[in-house]
Amino acid sequence: MKILHTLLLGVAAAFIPVALANAQHAGHGAHDHSAHQPKPAATDSDAIFKRFDANNDGFITRQELPAKHPLLPHFDMSDANRDGKLDLNEFKRGLSML
């Protein structure tokens, strides 16, 4: 009987953290996800690219991106050919990193 009691306590101890986590999340069943910004769709990234390409040369430079744009810290990683500017494919790849 003592072994069974110990075994039951061990099993209960294993499931308590899971049950607590589920209970804490239970109030979020109707959570409003509208505040979370989805990643831009492919057509959106085309439009964004055209909007940022101020001189219409088919590239975006650091200077053409807004000062607080989230892609700026990833600009060098996005610039695959290291020419200091992003073409549409590099821009899309950069956005996918965000």
Protein backbone atom coordinates (compact mmCIF):
# COMPACT_ATOMS: atom_id res chain seq x y z
CA MET A 1 0.00 0.00 0.00
CA LYS A 2 2.86 2.36 0.82
CA ILE A 3 4.38 1.71 -2.63
CA LEU A 4 1.08 2.48 -4.34
CA HIS A 5 0.74 5.70 -2.33
CA THR A 6 4.28 6.79 -3.28
CA LEU A 7 3.66 5.92 -6.91
CA LEU A 8 0.43 7.97 -6.98
CA LEU A 9 2.19 10.95 -5.39
CA GLY A 10 4.95 10.73 -8.00
CA VAL A 11 2.45 10.66 -10.88
CA ALA A 12 0.49 13.56 -9.39
CA ALA A 13 3.68 15.58 -8.97
CA ALA A 14 4.50 15.05 -12.63
CA PHE A 15 1.13 16.36 -13.80
CA ILE A 16 0.68 19.29 -11.42
CA PRO A 17 2.88 21.74 -13.44
CA VAL A 18 0.97 20.86 -16.62
CA ALA A 19 -2.38 21.32 -14.92
CA LEU A 20 -1.30 24.69 -13.48
CA ALA A 21 -0.08 25.90 -16.86
CA ASN A 22 -3.36 24.91 -18.49
CA ALA A 23 -5.35 26.60 -15.74
CA GLN A 24 -3.39 29.83 -16.13
CA HIS A 25 -3.94 29.82 -19.89
CA ALA A 26 -7.63 28.89 -19.57
CA GLY A 27 -8.63 32.54 -19.20
CA HIS A 28 -7.05 33.31 -22.56
CA GLY A 29 -9.42 31.17 -24.60
CA ALA A 30 -11.09 34.26 -26.02
CA HIS A 31 -7.82 36.16 -26.26
CA ASP A 32 -7.93 38.97 -28.79
CA HIS A 33 -5.10 38.40 -31.25
CA SER A 34 -5.80 41.57 -33.22
CA ALA A 35 -3.06 43.38 -31.29
CA HIS A 36 -0.44 41.01 -32.69
CA GLN A 37 0.86 42.20 -36.03
CA PRO A 38 1.02 39.46 -38.66
CA LYS A 39 3.98 39.27 -41.00
CA PRO A 40 3.33 41.04 -44.28
CA ALA A 41 2.05 38.85 -47.11
CA ALA A 42 4.04 38.60 -50.35
CA THR A 43 1.91 41.21 -52.11
CA ASP A 44 2.23 43.50 -49.10
CA SER A 45 6.02 43.27 -49.22
CA ASP A 46 5.97 44.24 -52.91
CA ALA A 47 3.93 47.35 -52.10
CA ILE A 48 6.10 48.19 -49.10
CA PHE A 49 9.23 47.80 -51.23
CA LYS A 50 7.87 50.21 -53.85
CA ARG A 51 6.90 52.70 -51.17
CA PHE A 52 10.39 52.68 -49.62
CA ASP A 53 12.21 52.75 -52.98
CA ALA A 54 12.11 56.56 -53.06
CA ASN A 55 14.18 56.99 -56.23
CA ASN A 56 12.51 54.06 -58.06
CA ASP A 57 15.82 52.41 -58.92
CA GLY A 58 14.63 48.94 -57.87
CA PHE A 59 16.70 48.93 -54.68
CA ILE A 60 16.32 50.07 -51.09
CA THR A 61 19.24 51.60 -49.26
CA ARG A 62 19.56 52.18 -45.52
CA GLN A 63 18.75 55.83 -46.13
CA GLU A 64 15.46 54.94 -47.81
CA LEU A 65 14.23 52.91 -44.83
CA PRO A 66 12.48 54.82 -42.04
CA ALA A 67 14.71 55.51 -39.04
CA LYS A 68 13.04 52.99 -36.71
CA HIS A 69 12.25 50.30 -39.30
CA PRO A 70 12.78 46.82 -37.78
CA LEU A 71 14.74 45.68 -40.85
CA LEU A 72 17.59 48.15 -40.23
CA PRO A 73 19.41 45.95 -37.68
CA HIS A 74 19.14 43.07 -40.17
CA PHE A 75 20.13 45.08 -43.25
CA ASP A 76 23.60 43.55 -43.64
CA MET A 77 22.27 40.01 -43.22
CA SER A 78 19.58 40.74 -45.81
CA ASP A 79 22.05 42.20 -48.32
CA ALA A 80 23.13 38.85 -49.80
CA ASN A 81 25.44 40.26 -52.48
CA ARG A 82 26.91 42.91 -50.13
CA ASP A 83 26.30 45.81 -52.51
CA GLY A 84 24.88 48.08 -49.81
CA LYS A 85 21.32 47.95 -51.11
CA LEU A 86 18.43 45.49 -51.09
CA ASP A 87 16.66 44.25 -54.19
CA LEU A 88 13.10 42.92 -53.84
CA ASN A 89 14.18 39.35 -53.05
CA GLU A 90 16.70 40.48 -50.44
CA PHE A 91 14.05 42.75 -48.93
CA LYS A 92 11.55 39.87 -48.71
CA ARG A 93 14.18 37.61 -47.16
CA GLY A 94 14.95 40.33 -44.62
CA LEU A 95 11.29 40.73 -43.73
CA SER A 96 11.02 36.98 -43.22
CA MET A 97 13.70 37.26 -40.49
CA LEU A 98 11.51 39.60 -38.47
